[in-house]
Amino acid sequence: MVLSACNTAGGDSSNSEAFSGLAGAFFYAGARALLVSHWPVRSDAAVAITTGAIDAMKSHPDIGRAEGLRRSLSALIARGGDYTHPSAWAPFVLVGNGSP
């Protein structure tokens, strides 16, 4: 499951448990893995990261979710410019089963 909006890993308040909000609901519903963010995200980076990860997994079905995300993040950073700053790519994390 991809939750690419801002702070999808957290709850509604600053003292919420990790993954207590939307992410927690998806795990309780049976999701095996989630791509979530820990703080506000750039829309252009979110699109590049999520589509890049999915494209990598479609092109190489044996690599798994974690490797697909790693390849996508590396490709974004390789674009240079503002994309090299962690604010563009660091909010995203894969939680759950990263295997295929």
N, C-alpha and C. Protein backbone atom coordinates (compact mmCIF):
# COMPACT_ATOMS: atom_id res chain seq x y z
N MET A 1 0.85 -1.16 0.00
CA MET A 1 0.00 0.00 0.00
C MET A 1 0.90 1.23 0.00
N VAL A 2 0.58 2.20 -0.81
CA VAL A 2 1.33 3.45 -0.89
C VAL A 2 0.47 4.57 -0.31
N LEU A 3 1.00 5.22 0.72
CA LEU A 3 0.36 6.38 1.33
C LEU A 3 1.33 7.54 1.17
N SER A 4 1.25 8.24 0.06
CA SER A 4 2.30 9.21 -0.28
C SER A 4 1.99 10.64 0.15
N ALA A 5 0.93 10.86 0.88
CA ALA A 5 0.61 12.20 1.36
C ALA A 5 1.52 12.57 2.53
N CYS A 6 1.35 13.75 3.06
CA CYS A 6 2.19 14.23 4.16
C CYS A 6 1.90 13.49 5.46
N ASN A 7 2.96 13.06 6.13
CA ASN A 7 2.92 12.46 7.46
C ASN A 7 1.91 11.33 7.60
N THR A 8 1.91 10.40 6.66
CA THR A 8 0.97 9.28 6.72
C THR A 8 1.41 8.23 7.74
N ALA A 9 2.63 8.33 8.25
CA ALA A 9 3.10 7.37 9.25
C ALA A 9 2.66 7.74 10.66
N GLY A 10 2.28 8.98 10.89
CA GLY A 10 1.96 9.42 12.24
C GLY A 10 0.48 9.52 12.52
N GLY A 11 0.20 9.81 13.76
CA GLY A 11 -1.19 10.00 14.18
C GLY A 11 -1.60 11.45 14.05
N ASP A 12 -2.73 11.78 14.61
CA ASP A 12 -3.28 13.12 14.49
C ASP A 12 -2.62 14.15 15.39
N SER A 13 -2.03 13.72 16.49
CA SER A 13 -1.43 14.69 17.41
C SER A 13 0.06 14.43 17.56
N SER A 14 0.76 15.40 18.12
CA SER A 14 2.21 15.31 18.24
C SER A 14 2.66 14.22 19.21
N ASN A 15 1.80 13.79 20.11
CA ASN A 15 2.19 12.75 21.06
C ASN A 15 1.58 11.39 20.71
N SER A 16 1.15 11.20 19.47
CA SER A 16 0.58 9.92 19.03
C SER A 16 1.68 8.88 18.88
N GLU A 17 1.28 7.64 19.02
CA GLU A 17 2.19 6.54 18.77
C GLU A 17 2.56 6.50 17.29
N ALA A 18 3.72 5.94 16.99
CA ALA A 18 4.11 5.76 15.59
C ALA A 18 3.11 4.82 14.91
N PHE A 19 2.76 5.13 13.72
CA PHE A 19 1.83 4.34 12.90
C PHE A 19 0.46 4.20 13.55
N SER A 20 0.04 5.20 14.32
CA SER A 20 -1.25 5.11 14.99
C SER A 20 -2.39 5.67 14.15
N GLY A 21 -2.10 6.39 13.10
CA GLY A 21 -3.14 6.99 12.28
C GLY A 21 -3.53 6.11 11.13
N LEU A 22 -3.48 6.68 9.94
CA LEU A 22 -3.89 5.99 8.72
C LEU A 22 -3.06 4.73 8.48
N ALA A 23 -1.76 4.81 8.73
CA ALA A 23 -0.90 3.64 8.53
C ALA A 23 -1.34 2.48 9.42
N GLY A 24 -1.62 2.78 10.68
CA GLY A 24 -2.07 1.74 11.60
C GLY A 24 -3.36 1.09 11.13
N ALA A 25 -4.26 1.89 10.61
CA ALA A 25 -5.52 1.35 10.11
C ALA A 25 -5.30 0.36 8.98
N PHE A 26 -4.37 0.66 8.08
CA PHE A 26 -4.09 -0.26 6.97
C PHE A 26 -3.46 -1.55 7.47
N PHE A 27 -2.58 -1.47 8.48
CA PHE A 27 -2.01 -2.70 9.04
C PHE A 27 -3.09 -3.54 9.71
N TYR A 28 -3.97 -2.91 10.47
CA TYR A 28 -5.06 -3.65 11.10
C TYR A 28 -5.97 -4.28 10.06
N ALA A 29 -6.08 -3.67 8.90
CA ALA A 29 -6.92 -4.20 7.82
C ALA A 29 -6.23 -5.31 7.03
N GLY A 30 -4.96 -5.56 7.32
CA GLY A 30 -4.27 -6.68 6.68
C GLY A 30 -3.19 -6.33 5.69
N ALA A 31 -2.85 -5.06 5.54
CA ALA A 31 -1.76 -4.70 4.62
C ALA A 31 -0.45 -5.32 5.11
N ARG A 32 0.35 -5.85 4.20
CA ARG A 32 1.62 -6.47 4.58
C ARG A 32 2.76 -5.48 4.59
N ALA A 33 2.67 -4.45 3.76
CA ALA A 33 3.74 -3.45 3.68
C ALA A 33 3.13 -2.10 3.30
N LEU A 34 3.70 -1.04 3.84
CA LEU A 34 3.24 0.31 3.56
C LEU A 34 4.42 1.20 3.21
N LEU A 35 4.25 2.04 2.22
CA LEU A 35 5.19 3.12 1.93
C LEU A 35 4.54 4.37 2.49
N VAL A 36 5.14 4.93 3.54
CA VAL A 36 4.55 6.06 4.26
C VAL A 36 5.57 7.19 4.39
N SER A 37 5.10 8.33 4.86
CA SER A 37 5.98 9.48 5.06
C SER A 37 5.92 9.93 6.52
N HIS A 38 7.01 10.51 6.99
CA HIS A 38 7.11 10.93 8.38
C HIS A 38 6.93 12.42 8.60
N TRP A 39 6.87 13.21 7.54
CA TRP A 39 6.65 14.65 7.66
C TRP A 39 6.17 15.18 6.33
N PRO A 40 5.90 16.47 6.22
CA PRO A 40 5.42 17.02 4.94
C PRO A 40 6.34 16.66 3.78
N VAL A 41 5.74 16.35 2.65
CA VAL A 41 6.49 15.90 1.48
C VAL A 41 6.27 16.84 0.30
N ARG A 42 7.24 16.86 -0.59
CA ARG A 42 7.11 17.60 -1.84
C ARG A 42 6.31 16.74 -2.81
N SER A 43 5.31 17.32 -3.45
CA SER A 43 4.46 16.56 -4.37
C SER A 43 5.25 15.96 -5.52
N ASP A 44 6.17 16.73 -6.10
CA ASP A 44 6.94 16.21 -7.23
C ASP A 44 7.83 15.04 -6.81
N ALA A 45 8.42 15.13 -5.63
CA ALA A 45 9.26 14.04 -5.14
C ALA A 45 8.42 12.82 -4.81
N ALA A 46 7.24 13.03 -4.22
CA ALA A 46 6.35 11.91 -3.88
C ALA A 46 5.95 11.14 -5.14
N VAL A 47 5.62 11.86 -6.19
CA VAL A 47 5.25 11.20 -7.45
C VAL A 47 6.43 10.42 -8.01
N ALA A 48 7.60 11.04 -8.02
CA ALA A 48 8.79 10.37 -8.56
C ALA A 48 9.15 9.13 -7.76
N ILE A 49 9.08 9.22 -6.45
CA ILE A 49 9.45 8.09 -5.59
C ILE A 49 8.46 6.95 -5.72
N THR A 50 7.19 7.24 -5.64
CA THR A 50 6.21 6.16 -5.68
C THR A 50 6.14 5.50 -7.06
N THR A 51 6.12 6.30 -8.10
CA THR A 51 6.07 5.69 -9.44
C THR A 51 7.38 5.00 -9.77
N GLY A 52 8.50 5.56 -9.31
CA GLY A 52 9.79 4.92 -9.55
C GLY A 52 9.89 3.57 -8.86
N ALA A 53 9.41 3.48 -7.63
CA ALA A 53 9.45 2.21 -6.90
C ALA A 53 8.57 1.16 -7.57
N ILE A 54 7.39 1.56 -7.97
CA ILE A 54 6.48 0.62 -8.62
C ILE A 54 7.03 0.19 -9.98
N ASP A 55 7.57 1.14 -10.74
CA ASP A 55 8.16 0.79 -12.03
C ASP A 55 9.33 -0.18 -11.86
N ALA A 56 10.16 0.04 -10.85
CA ALA A 56 11.30 -0.85 -10.60
C ALA A 56 10.83 -2.26 -10.28
N MET A 57 9.79 -2.36 -9.46
CA MET A 57 9.27 -3.69 -9.09
C MET A 57 8.59 -4.38 -10.27
N LYS A 58 7.94 -3.60 -11.15
CA LYS A 58 7.33 -4.20 -12.33
C LYS A 58 8.39 -4.69 -13.31
N SER A 59 9.46 -3.91 -13.46
CA SER A 59 10.53 -4.29 -14.39
C SER A 59 11.37 -5.46 -13.88
N HIS A 60 11.48 -5.57 -12.56
CA HIS A 60 12.30 -6.61 -11.93
C HIS A 60 11.50 -7.24 -10.79
N PRO A 61 10.57 -8.14 -11.07
CA PRO A 61 9.67 -8.68 -10.05
C PRO A 61 10.37 -9.39 -8.89
N ASP A 62 11.62 -9.77 -9.08
CA ASP A 62 12.33 -10.51 -8.04
C ASP A 62 13.03 -9.62 -7.01
N ILE A 63 13.01 -8.30 -7.17
CA ILE A 63 13.81 -7.45 -6.28
C ILE A 63 13.13 -7.14 -4.95
N GLY A 64 11.85 -7.16 -4.86
CA GLY A 64 11.16 -6.86 -3.61
C GLY A 64 10.89 -5.37 -3.43
N ARG A 65 10.07 -5.07 -2.45
CA ARG A 65 9.62 -3.70 -2.21
C ARG A 65 10.75 -2.79 -1.73
N ALA A 66 11.56 -3.28 -0.80
CA ALA A 66 12.63 -2.47 -0.24
C ALA A 66 13.65 -2.07 -1.32
N GLU A 67 14.01 -3.01 -2.16
CA GLU A 67 14.96 -2.70 -3.23
C GLU A 67 14.34 -1.78 -4.26
N GLY A 68 13.07 -1.96 -4.56
CA GLY A 68 12.38 -1.05 -5.47
C GLY A 68 12.40 0.38 -4.96
N LEU A 69 12.15 0.55 -3.67
CA LEU A 69 12.21 1.88 -3.06
C LEU A 69 13.63 2.42 -3.09
N ARG A 70 14.61 1.60 -2.77
CA ARG A 70 16.00 2.05 -2.79
C ARG A 70 16.41 2.54 -4.18
N ARG A 71 16.03 1.80 -5.19
CA ARG A 71 16.35 2.20 -6.57
C ARG A 71 15.67 3.51 -6.93
N SER A 72 14.43 3.67 -6.51
CA SER A 72 13.70 4.89 -6.80
C SER A 72 14.34 6.09 -6.10
N LEU A 73 14.69 5.94 -4.83
CA LEU A 73 15.35 7.02 -4.10
C LEU A 73 16.69 7.38 -4.73
N SER A 74 17.45 6.38 -5.11
CA SER A 74 18.74 6.63 -5.75
C SER A 74 18.58 7.38 -7.07
N ALA A 75 17.57 7.01 -7.84
CA ALA A 75 17.32 7.69 -9.12
C ALA A 75 16.91 9.14 -8.89
N LEU A 76 16.12 9.39 -7.87
CA LEU A 76 15.71 10.77 -7.56
C LEU A 76 16.92 11.60 -7.16
N ILE A 77 17.74 11.07 -6.29
CA ILE A 77 18.94 11.80 -5.84
C ILE A 77 19.88 12.06 -7.03
N ALA A 78 19.97 11.11 -7.94
CA ALA A 78 20.85 11.26 -9.10
C ALA A 78 20.40 12.38 -10.04
N ARG A 79 19.14 12.81 -9.93
CA ARG A 79 18.67 13.94 -10.75
C ARG A 79 19.41 15.23 -10.40
N GLY A 80 19.92 15.28 -9.17
CA GLY A 80 20.67 16.46 -8.73
C GLY A 80 19.78 17.59 -8.28
N GLY A 81 20.37 18.75 -8.13
CA GLY A 81 19.63 19.94 -7.71
C GLY A 81 18.99 19.76 -6.35
N ASP A 82 17.77 20.26 -6.21
CA ASP A 82 17.05 20.17 -4.94
C ASP A 82 16.73 18.74 -4.52
N TYR A 83 16.75 17.81 -5.47
CA TYR A 83 16.43 16.42 -5.16
C TYR A 83 17.50 15.74 -4.31
N THR A 84 18.70 16.30 -4.26
CA THR A 84 19.74 15.70 -3.44
C THR A 84 19.54 15.99 -1.95
N HIS A 85 18.76 17.01 -1.63
CA HIS A 85 18.54 17.36 -0.23
C HIS A 85 17.61 16.33 0.41
N PRO A 86 17.92 15.90 1.63
CA PRO A 86 17.09 14.90 2.29
C PRO A 86 15.61 15.29 2.44
N SER A 87 15.30 16.56 2.42
CA SER A 87 13.89 16.95 2.54
C SER A 87 13.05 16.43 1.37
N ALA A 88 13.69 16.12 0.25
CA ALA A 88 12.97 15.62 -0.92
C ALA A 88 12.70 14.12 -0.82
N TRP A 89 13.62 13.37 -0.24
CA TRP A 89 13.49 11.91 -0.27
C TRP A 89 13.43 11.23 1.10
N ALA A 90 13.94 11.85 2.14
CA ALA A 90 14.03 11.20 3.45
C ALA A 90 12.70 10.98 4.17
N PRO A 91 11.62 11.69 3.85
CA PRO A 91 10.38 11.43 4.60
C PRO A 91 9.81 10.03 4.39
N PHE A 92 10.21 9.36 3.33
CA PHE A 92 9.58 8.10 2.95
C PHE A 92 10.27 6.90 3.56
N VAL A 93 9.46 5.96 4.02
CA VAL A 93 9.98 4.73 4.62
C VAL A 93 9.02 3.58 4.30
N LEU A 94 9.59 2.42 4.12
CA LEU A 94 8.81 1.21 3.90
C LEU A 94 8.71 0.49 5.24
N VAL A 95 7.52 0.20 5.67
CA VAL A 95 7.31 -0.56 6.90
C VAL A 95 6.54 -1.81 6.58
N GLY A 96 6.89 -2.87 7.28
CA GLY A 96 6.25 -4.15 7.03
C GLY A 96 7.17 -5.06 6.25
N ASN A 97 6.61 -5.92 5.45
CA ASN A 97 7.36 -6.91 4.70
C ASN A 97 7.95 -6.31 3.43
N GLY A 98 9.27 -6.13 3.40
CA GLY A 98 9.93 -5.56 2.23
C GLY A 98 10.25 -6.57 1.16
N SER A 99 10.00 -7.86 1.42
CA SER A 99 10.28 -8.92 0.45
C SER A 99 9.19 -8.99 -0.60
N PRO A 100 9.51 -9.66 -1.74
CA PRO A 100 8.48 -9.82 -2.77
C PRO A 100 7.29 -10.61 -2.27
